[in-house]
Protein backbone atom coordinates (compact mmCIF):
# COMPACT_ATOMS: atom_id res chain seq x y z
CA VAL A 1 -0.47 0.23 -0.29
CA TRP A 2 1.17 2.92 -0.97
CA VAL A 3 1.18 5.56 1.76
CA THR A 4 1.11 9.42 0.25
CA VAL A 5 2.90 11.28 3.20
CA THR A 6 2.28 14.98 2.57
CA ALA A 7 4.78 17.01 4.55
CA GLN A 8 3.52 19.89 6.33
CA LEU A 9 5.36 22.66 5.83
CA GLU A 10 6.38 24.17 9.34
CA PRO A 11 5.46 27.80 10.03
CA ASN A 12 8.29 30.35 9.14
CA ALA A 13 7.95 34.31 10.00
CA GLY A 14 11.12 34.70 8.29
CA ASP A 15 14.34 36.88 9.42
CA ASP A 16 14.15 39.85 11.84
CA GLY A 17 14.40 43.05 9.90
CA THR A 18 14.54 46.83 10.76
CA ILE A 19 12.83 49.61 9.20
CA THR A 20 12.99 53.35 9.54
CA VAL A 21 9.97 55.72 10.13
CA CYS A 22 9.51 59.43 10.73
CA GLN A 23 9.02 60.37 14.41
CA GLY A 24 5.66 60.11 15.20
CA THR A 25 4.93 57.81 12.27
CA THR A 26 3.08 54.21 13.06
CA PRO A 27 4.44 51.69 9.81
CA SER A 28 1.78 49.59 8.18
CA GLU A 29 1.93 46.01 8.00
CA ALA A 30 2.90 45.67 4.66
CA THR A 31 5.80 47.98 5.48
CA LEU A 32 7.08 45.64 8.51
CA PHE A 33 6.50 42.42 6.70
CA ALA A 34 8.55 43.93 3.79
CA ALA A 35 11.61 44.40 6.39
CA LEU A 36 11.19 40.73 7.06
CA THR A 37 13.02 38.16 4.50
CA GLY A 38 11.49 34.68 3.30
CA ALA A 39 8.25 34.92 5.74
CA ASP A 40 5.26 33.56 5.20
CA GLU A 41 2.20 35.53 4.81
CA GLY A 42 -0.59 35.99 6.83
CA GLY A 43 0.89 36.40 10.21
CA SER A 44 -0.30 38.72 12.63
CA TRP A 45 1.45 41.44 14.30
CA SER A 46 1.72 42.58 17.39
CA ASN A 47 4.69 45.24 18.86
CA ILE A 48 5.98 46.18 22.54
CA GLY A 49 6.57 50.08 21.85
CA LEU A 50 8.64 50.00 18.23
CA VAL A 51 9.74 46.14 18.72
CA TYR A 52 6.98 44.49 16.59
CA THR A 53 6.36 40.98 16.52
CA TYR A 54 5.03 38.72 13.75
CA ILE A 55 3.82 35.35 14.44
CA VAL A 56 2.72 32.83 11.85
CA ASP A 57 0.68 30.05 13.30
CA ALA A 58 1.63 26.29 12.90
CA THR A 59 -0.67 24.16 10.27
CA SER A 60 -1.75 21.06 11.54
CA PRO A 61 0.05 18.78 12.06
CA CYS A 62 2.98 21.51 12.76
CA THR A 63 2.18 22.65 16.26
CA GLU A 64 4.83 25.50 16.82
CA GLU A 65 4.06 28.87 15.56
CA ASP A 66 7.17 30.56 14.57
CA THR A 67 8.13 34.33 15.25
CA SER A 68 10.18 36.74 13.87
CA ILE A 69 11.01 40.67 15.36
CA VAL A 70 10.90 43.97 13.29
CA THR A 71 12.77 46.87 14.94
CA VAL A 72 11.21 50.19 14.22
CA ILE A 73 13.85 53.07 14.45
CA GLU A 74 12.25 56.49 14.81
CA GLN A 75 14.03 59.42 12.51
CA LEU A 76 13.53 62.46 14.36
CA ALA A 77 10.95 64.76 12.51
CA PRO A 78 12.53 68.46 11.61
CA ILE A 79 12.28 70.95 14.51
CA ALA A 80 12.68 74.52 13.71
CA ASP A 81 12.83 77.52 16.05
CA SER A 82 9.75 79.52 16.43
CA PRO A 83 11.07 83.13 17.38
CA VAL A 84 8.64 85.67 18.18
CA ASN A 85 8.51 89.14 16.41
CA VAL A 86 10.63 91.35 17.56
CA MET A 87 10.77 95.31 17.37
CA ALA A 88 14.42 97.00 17.71
CA CYS A 89 16.08 100.11 17.63
CA ASP A 90 18.50 100.79 14.84
CA SER A 91 19.51 97.74 14.53
CA TYR A 92 18.99 93.55 15.72
CA ILE A 93 21.60 91.15 16.15
CA LEU A 94 20.23 87.69 15.49
CA PRO A 95 20.45 85.32 18.59
CA SER A 96 21.75 81.65 18.32
CA LEU A 97 19.25 78.90 17.22
CA ASN A 98 18.89 75.74 18.78
CA TYR A 99 17.19 74.22 15.77
CA GLY A 100 17.07 75.30 12.50
CA ASN A 101 18.89 78.36 10.26
CA TYR A 102 18.09 81.57 9.37
CA TYR A 103 17.10 82.49 5.73
CA THR A 104 15.60 85.72 4.10
CA GLU A 105 12.88 83.68 2.00
CA SER A 106 10.68 80.80 2.65
CA SER A 107 11.93 77.13 2.41
CA GLY A 108 15.32 77.74 2.34
CA LEU A 109 15.69 79.91 -0.11
CA GLY A 110 17.28 83.57 -0.08
CA VAL A 111 20.33 84.68 1.84
CA PRO A 112 21.07 82.75 4.67
CA LEU A 113 21.54 84.43 7.59
CA ASN A 114 24.05 83.85 10.76
CA ALA A 115 23.56 84.15 14.49
CA GLY A 116 25.65 87.43 15.34
CA ASP A 117 24.50 88.87 12.18
CA GLU A 118 23.21 92.99 12.32
CA ILE A 119 19.79 93.33 10.65
CA THR A 120 19.02 97.15 10.16
CA SER A 121 16.43 97.10 8.47
CA THR A 122 12.29 95.89 8.89
CA ILE A 123 12.56 92.55 7.51
CA ILE A 124 10.53 88.92 7.73
CA LEU A 125 13.12 86.08 8.04
CA TYR A 126 12.66 82.24 7.95
CA VAL A 127 13.83 79.53 10.52
CA PHE A 128 14.11 76.66 8.23
CA THR A 129 15.13 72.98 8.92
CA PRO A 130 14.97 70.46 6.05
CA ALA A 131 13.33 67.00 6.60
CA THR A 132 15.55 64.17 6.68
CA THR A 133 14.51 60.68 4.71
CA PRO A 134 12.01 59.13 5.60
CA CYS A 135 10.86 62.33 6.99
CA THR A 136 9.33 64.30 4.05
CA ILE A 137 7.76 67.82 5.35
CA ASN A 138 10.60 70.37 6.21
CA ALA A 139 10.42 72.13 9.52
CA GLN A 140 9.61 76.19 9.03
CA ASN A 141 8.90 79.00 11.09
CA SER A 142 8.95 83.12 10.27
CA PHE A 143 8.92 86.00 12.13
CA LYS A 144 9.52 89.93 11.52
CA ILE A 145 12.48 92.24 12.76
CA THR A 146 10.52 95.40 13.17
CA ILE A 147 13.52 98.08 13.02
CA ASN A 148 12.71 101.58 14.39
CA ASP A 149 15.47 104.41 14.59
CA SER A 150 16.91 106.26 17.44
CA THR A 151 16.56 110.07 16.68
CA THR A 152 18.29 113.17 17.90
CA THR A 153 16.92 116.72 18.25
CA ALA A 154 18.62 119.95 16.68
CA THR A 155 21.18 121.23 19.68
CA GLU A 156 19.16 123.80 21.85
CA VAL A 157 21.40 126.62 22.45
CA VAL A 158 21.01 128.26 25.29
CA LYS A 159 22.36 131.63 27.46
CA ALA A 160 21.17 131.62 30.99
CA CYS A 161 22.05 133.39 33.95
CA ASP A 162 23.01 131.71 37.13
CA SER A 163 21.24 128.28 36.49
CA TYR A 164 19.07 126.61 33.92
CA SER A 165 16.89 123.75 34.21
CA TRP A 166 16.18 121.13 31.36
CA ASN A 167 14.18 118.20 31.26
CA GLY A 168 13.86 118.62 35.58
CA THR A 169 17.84 119.05 36.01
CA ALA A 170 18.97 122.42 37.10
CA TYR A 171 22.01 122.96 35.59
CA THR A 172 25.25 125.79 36.78
CA VAL A 173 27.76 124.91 34.99
CA THR A 174 28.36 125.88 31.35
CA GLY A 175 28.46 122.72 29.08
CA ILE A 176 26.89 120.27 26.71
CA TYR A 177 24.92 118.38 28.17
CA THR A 178 22.66 115.33 26.67
CA TYR A 179 18.80 114.12 27.78
CA GLU A 180 17.69 110.34 26.35
CA SER A 181 14.07 110.06 26.18
CA GLU A 182 11.18 107.36 24.33
CA ASN A 183 10.58 108.82 20.84
CA GLU A 184 7.15 107.79 19.23
CA SER A 185 8.64 104.56 18.04
CA GLY A 186 9.65 103.13 21.50
CA CYS A 187 13.12 104.10 20.81
CA ILE A 188 15.67 106.78 21.89
CA ASN A 189 15.38 110.34 21.49
CA THR A 190 18.76 112.55 22.27
CA ALA A 191 18.51 115.86 23.30
CA THR A 192 21.52 117.96 23.22
CA LEU A 193 21.64 121.20 25.00
CA ASP A 194 24.69 123.91 24.31
CA LEU A 195 24.60 125.96 27.56
CA THR A 196 26.47 128.75 28.36
CA VAL A 197 25.45 130.08 31.96
CA GLY A 198 26.13 133.88 32.74
CA THR A 199 26.45 134.67 36.76
CA SER A 200 24.31 137.91 37.77
CA THR A 201 26.22 140.62 39.64
CA THR A 202 25.79 143.38 42.29
CA THR A 203 27.58 146.27 42.72
CA ALA A 204 28.50 148.32 45.94
CA THR A 205 25.58 150.21 47.14
CA GLU A 206 25.97 153.78 46.51
CA VAL A 207 25.24 155.97 49.41
CA VAL A 208 23.86 159.29 48.71
CA LYS A 209 22.97 162.73 50.18
CA ALA A 210 20.98 164.78 47.50
CA CYS A 211 19.48 168.17 47.79
CA ASP A 212 15.34 167.93 46.03
CA SER A 213 16.06 165.52 43.59
CA TYR A 214 18.58 163.01 42.07
CA SER A 215 19.46 161.57 38.64
CA TRP A 216 20.40 157.98 38.78
CA ASN A 217 20.39 156.26 35.70
CA GLY A 218 18.28 158.46 34.17
CA THR A 219 15.49 158.35 36.91
CA ALA A 220 15.07 161.43 38.76
CA TYR A 221 13.97 160.81 42.22
CA THR A 222 12.91 162.82 44.92
CA VAL A 223 12.07 160.92 47.87
CA THR A 224 14.21 159.20 50.32
CA GLY A 225 14.46 155.37 49.99
CA ILE A 226 16.48 152.23 48.70
CA TYR A 227 16.65 151.65 45.11
CA THR A 228 17.85 149.49 42.58
CA TYR A 229 18.83 149.23 38.65
CA GLU A 230 19.10 146.51 37.00
CA SER A 231 21.73 146.39 33.34
CA GLU A 232 23.38 143.77 31.42
CA ASN A 233 26.83 142.66 33.05
CA GLU A 234 29.75 141.16 30.87
CA SER A 235 28.08 137.86 30.96
CA GLY A 236 24.81 139.29 29.45
CA CYS A 237 23.19 138.89 32.83
CA ILE A 238 21.64 141.08 35.27
CA ASN A 239 23.60 143.55 37.17
CA THR A 240 21.69 145.12 40.22
CA ALA A 241 22.96 148.40 41.56
CA THR A 242 21.67 149.89 44.19
CA LEU A 243 21.32 153.31 45.70
CA ASP A 244 20.33 154.54 49.27
CA LEU A 245 19.49 157.59 48.72
CA THR A 246 18.61 160.43 51.21
CA VAL A 247 16.96 163.43 50.06
CA GLY A 248 16.83 166.54 51.65
CA THR A 249 14.71 169.86 50.88
CA SER A 250 16.59 173.45 49.48
CA THR A 251 15.19 176.06 51.66
CA THR A 252 14.41 179.86 51.37
CA THR A 253 14.39 182.44 54.41
CA GLU A 254 11.96 185.38 54.05
CA ASP A 255 13.84 188.57 52.06
CA GLU A 256 15.63 190.85 54.11
CA ASN A 257 14.66 194.32 53.41
CA VAL A 258 17.85 197.13 54.17
CA THR A 259 17.55 201.02 53.33
CA THR A 260 20.99 202.46 53.89
CA CYS A 261 23.48 205.59 53.26
CA SER A 262 26.48 203.67 53.57
CA ASN A 263 28.08 200.58 52.42
CA PHE A 264 26.37 197.36 54.11
CA THR A 265 27.87 194.14 55.50
CA TRP A 266 26.03 190.61 54.95
CA ASN A 267 27.02 187.72 55.79
CA ASP A 268 30.62 188.71 56.09
CA VAL A 269 30.50 190.65 52.64
CA GLU A 270 30.47 194.26 52.48
CA TYR A 271 27.83 195.79 49.96
CA THR A 272 28.24 198.99 48.27
CA GLU A 273 25.87 199.40 45.86
CA SER A 274 21.87 198.71 45.47
CA GLY A 275 20.44 195.33 44.38
CA THR A 276 19.26 192.21 45.37
CA TYR A 277 22.02 189.81 47.15
CA THR A 278 21.40 186.36 47.72
CA PHE A 279 23.31 184.17 50.12
CA GLU A 280 23.57 180.50 50.36
CA SER A 281 23.64 178.19 53.39
CA GLU A 282 23.41 174.76 54.33
CA ASN A 283 20.15 174.02 56.22
CA GLU A 284 19.27 171.02 58.79
CA THR A 285 18.67 168.68 55.94
CA GLY A 286 22.44 169.51 54.39
CA CYS A 287 20.89 171.36 51.76
CA THR A 288 20.59 174.72 50.62
CA ASN A 289 18.88 177.70 52.21
CA THR A 290 18.93 180.72 50.34
CA ALA A 291 18.76 184.22 52.10
CA THR A 292 17.65 187.31 50.25
CA LEU A 293 19.23 190.93 50.83
CA ASN A 294 16.81 193.86 48.90
CA LEU A 295 19.14 196.67 49.76
CA SER A 296 18.90 200.29 48.82
CA ILE A 297 22.02 202.74 49.20
CA ASN A 298 21.11 206.31 49.22
CA SER A 299 24.17 207.72 48.20
CA PRO A 300 25.07 210.79 50.39
CA GLU A 301 24.84 214.32 49.04
CA GLU A 302 28.31 215.21 47.41
CA PHE A 303 28.73 218.81 46.71
CA ASP A 304 31.88 221.46 46.27
CA GLY A 305 32.87 223.49 49.11
CA ARG A 306 35.66 226.85 48.53
CA SER A 307 38.53 226.81 46.77
CA ILE A 308 41.89 228.80 47.89
CA ASP A 309 45.52 229.57 46.63
CA LEU A 310 48.46 229.21 49.06
CA CYS A 311 51.83 229.81 48.44
CA VAL A 312 54.60 227.02 49.87
CA LEU A 313 55.46 229.98 52.94
CA ASP A 314 51.85 230.79 54.14
CA ASP A 315 50.93 229.40 57.35
CA ILE A 316 48.76 226.65 57.86
CA ILE A 317 45.26 226.99 57.70
CA ASP A 318 42.16 225.26 59.02
CA LEU A 319 39.97 224.00 55.93
CA THR A 320 37.02 223.73 57.85
CA ARG A 321 36.58 227.67 56.33
CA LEU A 322 36.09 226.18 52.83
CA LEU A 323 33.17 224.39 54.08
CA GLY A 324 30.33 227.08 54.28
CA ASP A 325 28.11 227.79 56.97
CA ASP A 326 26.18 224.67 56.86
CA TYR A 327 28.35 222.35 57.15
CA ILE A 328 27.53 219.43 60.14
CA GLY A 329 30.68 219.72 62.75
CA GLY A 330 31.85 216.57 63.80
CA GLY A 331 32.97 214.52 60.62
CA THR A 332 36.09 213.44 58.79
CA TRP A 333 38.49 214.87 56.53
CA THR A 334 39.97 212.85 53.99
CA ASP A 335 43.37 213.54 52.10
CA GLU A 336 42.21 212.25 48.31
CA MET A 337 45.77 212.92 46.85
CA ASN A 338 47.48 211.50 49.62
CA SER A 339 49.25 215.25 50.01
CA GLY A 340 50.79 214.84 53.79
CA GLY A 341 49.90 218.08 54.52
CA ILE A 342 46.73 217.73 56.54
CA ARG A 343 46.14 216.78 60.16
CA GLY A 344 42.87 216.38 60.95
CA ASN A 345 41.33 219.80 59.63
CA ILE A 346 44.50 221.60 59.42
CA PHE A 347 46.66 222.01 56.12
CA ASP A 348 50.37 222.92 56.23
CA PRO A 349 51.51 224.43 52.87
CA SER A 350 55.39 224.28 53.31
CA ILE A 351 55.26 220.38 54.00
CA VAL A 352 53.78 219.51 50.15
CA ASN A 353 54.87 219.55 46.66
CA LEU A 354 53.42 222.37 44.34
CA ASP A 355 50.07 220.89 43.01
CA ASP A 356 46.05 221.18 43.08
CA TYR A 357 44.88 218.68 45.89
CA GLU A 358 41.44 217.66 47.06
CA PHE A 359 40.09 217.52 50.34
CA THR A 360 36.35 215.60 51.20
CA TYR A 361 34.76 216.42 54.52
CA THR A 362 32.20 213.40 55.21
CA GLU A 363 29.44 214.67 57.81
CA PRO A 364 28.45 212.43 60.61
CA GLY A 365 25.82 209.35 60.24
CA ASP A 366 25.15 207.27 57.35
CA CYS A 367 23.83 210.03 55.32
CA GLY A 368 25.84 213.13 55.90
CA SER A 369 26.97 214.93 52.96
CA ILE A 370 29.79 214.82 51.48
CA ILE A 371 31.83 217.90 50.96
CA THR A 372 35.34 218.94 48.52
CA VAL A 373 37.53 221.55 48.73
CA PHE A 374 39.97 222.71 46.80
CA VAL A 375 43.60 223.88 47.18
CA ASN A 376 46.18 225.23 45.15
CA VAL A 377 49.94 224.95 46.43
CA ASN A 378 52.23 227.59 44.30
CA ASP A 379 55.52 229.10 45.21
CA ASP A 380 54.85 232.78 43.81
CA CYS A 381 55.64 234.29 46.84
CA VAL A 382 59.14 232.67 46.58
CA VAL A 383 62.10 234.82 44.97
CA LEU A 384 64.74 231.87 43.72
CA PRO A 385 68.23 233.09 43.24
CA CYS A 386 68.87 230.78 40.29
CA SER A 387 68.01 231.96 36.97
CA THR A 388 66.65 229.04 34.77
CA GLU A 389 66.22 225.32 34.51
CA GLY A 390 69.22 224.76 31.76
CA SER A 391 71.50 226.38 34.31
CA ILE A 392 71.72 223.39 36.50
CA GLU A 393 74.78 221.52 36.24
CA ILE A 394 75.34 217.54 36.28
CA SER A 395 78.53 215.05 36.44
CA LYS A 396 79.19 212.85 33.40
CA VAL A 397 81.86 210.94 35.35
CA VAL A 398 82.53 209.88 38.60
CA THR A 399 86.16 208.37 39.33
CA ALA A 400 86.24 207.56 43.39
CA ASN A 401 89.68 207.16 44.25
CA ASP A 402 89.93 210.22 46.43
CA ASP A 403 91.99 211.96 43.94
CA GLY A 404 89.59 215.32 44.60
CA ILE A 405 88.45 214.95 41.23
CA ASN A 406 85.46 213.67 40.21
CA ASP A 407 85.00 211.87 43.23
CA TYR A 408 81.36 212.59 43.77
CA PHE A 409 78.17 212.86 41.71
CA THR A 410 77.14 216.49 41.75
CA ILE A 411 74.04 218.58 40.85
CA SER A 412 74.83 222.47 40.60
CA GLU A 413 72.84 225.61 42.26
CA ILE A 414 71.10 222.48 45.06
CA ASP A 415 72.63 224.78 47.80
CA SER A 416 72.57 228.11 46.68
CA CYS A 417 68.75 227.75 45.21
CA GLY A 418 67.79 226.33 48.20
CA PHE A 419 66.47 223.11 46.24
CA THR A 420 65.87 219.63 47.36
CA ALA A 421 66.70 217.10 45.10
CA GLU A 422 65.28 213.59 44.93
CA VAL A 423 67.77 211.38 42.65
CA SER A 424 67.84 207.76 41.36
CA ILE A 425 70.33 205.70 39.96
CA PHE A 426 69.67 202.64 37.81
CA ASN A 427 72.24 200.16 36.17
CA ARG A 428 71.85 198.90 32.49
CA TRP A 429 69.12 196.71 33.69
CA GLY A 430 66.60 199.21 35.33
CA LYS A 431 67.60 198.32 38.41
CA ILE A 432 67.68 200.81 41.06
CA VAL A 433 71.35 201.15 42.66
CA TYR A 434 71.09 204.14 44.56
CA GLN A 435 68.25 206.29 45.90
CA SER A 436 68.18 209.76 48.20
CA ASN A 437 64.83 211.86 48.82
CA ASN A 438 67.51 214.74 49.91
CA TYR A 439 70.90 214.32 47.69
CA GLN A 440 73.88 216.22 48.98
CA ASN A 441 76.14 215.84 46.25
CA ASN A 442 77.33 213.08 48.60
CA TRP A 443 77.12 209.69 46.04
CA SER A 444 80.85 208.24 45.29
CA GLY A 445 79.50 204.72 43.23
CA TYR A 446 78.33 202.83 46.35
CA HIS A 447 75.06 200.85 46.18
CA ASN A 448 72.30 201.42 48.89
CA ASN A 449 69.61 199.13 47.17
CA SER A 450 70.18 196.09 45.81
CA GLY A 451 72.58 196.85 42.92
CA LEU A 452 75.51 195.04 41.08
CA THR A 453 78.57 194.22 43.34
CA MET A 454 81.37 192.42 43.42
CA GLY A 455 82.63 190.50 46.31
CA ALA A 456 81.92 192.18 50.02
CA SER A 457 82.11 195.50 49.08
CA ASP A 458 78.97 197.76 48.61
CA LYS A 459 81.04 199.91 45.47
CA LEU A 460 79.69 199.35 42.36
CA PRO A 461 81.28 197.80 38.99
CA THR A 462 82.40 200.16 36.59
CA GLY A 463 80.31 201.33 34.06
CA THR A 464 77.55 203.70 32.66
CA TYR A 465 74.70 204.30 34.85
CA TYR A 466 71.08 206.36 34.25
CA TYR A 467 69.82 208.51 36.58
CA VAL A 468 66.34 210.34 37.33
CA ILE A 469 66.74 213.91 39.36
CA ASN A 470 63.86 215.72 40.38
CA ILE A 471 64.28 219.33 41.53
CA MET A 472 61.73 219.42 44.66
CA GLY A 473 59.77 222.83 44.79
CA SER A 474 61.43 224.27 41.61
CA GLY A 475 58.67 223.77 38.82
CA TYR A 476 61.42 222.00 36.56
CA ARG A 477 60.72 218.59 34.79
CA PRO A 478 62.63 215.73 35.99
CA ILE A 479 66.09 215.82 34.51
CA THR A 480 67.19 212.61 33.22
CA GLY A 481 70.76 211.12 31.74
CA TYR A 482 73.62 209.10 31.61
CA ILE A 483 76.80 208.65 33.61
CA TYR A 484 79.87 206.69 33.96
CA LEU A 485 81.36 205.38 37.18
CA GLY A 486 84.81 204.16 37.09
CA THR A 487 85.55 202.27 40.64
CA ASN A 488 88.30 199.87 39.45
CA LYS A 489 85.93 197.16 39.88
């Protein structure tokens, strides 16, 4: 008998396999089965985590199943950092990325950028990570960088006095200062202050005492007080000047009316004419007090008395004989021409020169009359032994050497005619060197009045001198001429 034996194949789950899937992907049974080698189809799958078991059941009469394992390896899915949108001032430095790279266009296109690169204008950037097989989906995130500009305002140039408040800070020193604030875009606005600080000054108080008013810096002040005046000093700031003013008041006293017949002394001043006069003095306030004098001087009555001719040989005369009958006694006489011949009211013609003289008599009292009398003194009663003026001889040369010849300066007829001679001798510079009011023909070359001398002697030096001779009581004209003096000096 033939027995036909049919061998039942043992179940074959194939050789173990390994597959890689993208992270998060569950492999299909077909994908798993494809990873096995020589496995019978129709098995079943189970897994613990990423280890999948393929079981092929036995077919009778086989009793033992066969298994194989497929190990699944997960490929990490691509990851790209997802930066938040950024708003920066002026520029932005790209930070480091954990995953991905920077690109200026999507899908890794455009210009690649690196961490540390500076972004200076607004832009949208992409962080891109390409997929790695078996993953097929790339990772990409975008973010916007908005660049706002910091700003500056125009420099503020300021000149201030003492201090300047700027943005909440008081500055007292010249300098350039900055202040930062937030502008409309949220960035920094920088303001600059170019500050010049001047100094206010004061001048020393001016203490003034004035009368009635005082003009100070263009203003007239009439009241006592303390005043200030502000002006610009060298630094362009205020200089304050102070005036401590005391204003006194000028005053006037009541007019003084005076009528008199003679000179009038008022406040130590003698007034000789009628008129209105003022006198200023200091009053209690230190100002001027003005006093006024209305002065009326009534001049005494003046008239001429009598006249008389007298000879030098006549006796003395009482001048009251010449006043008339109505004069008031007890007055005073004045020798108007300084004749030297009057004593009280008595006049002596013998002691004066031949001439016409006037004498005034002032009656007593403020308004006494003034009477003028006239006296002519002549020599009509004198018979002179001399002939004519031209007969007088005068020395031409004096040689004072005691030889008996020309030792003295002589004038003839002085003794014989009874003349009195006044002699003045001058040197060539016009200086008087000798003078006598009653010359006695006795000058021998000596000086008696500051002439030029040599050594300790009073004898004058040799030279030409000039003389002037008046023959008193002769009626002669003055005689002048030159004389040569020889003194061996």
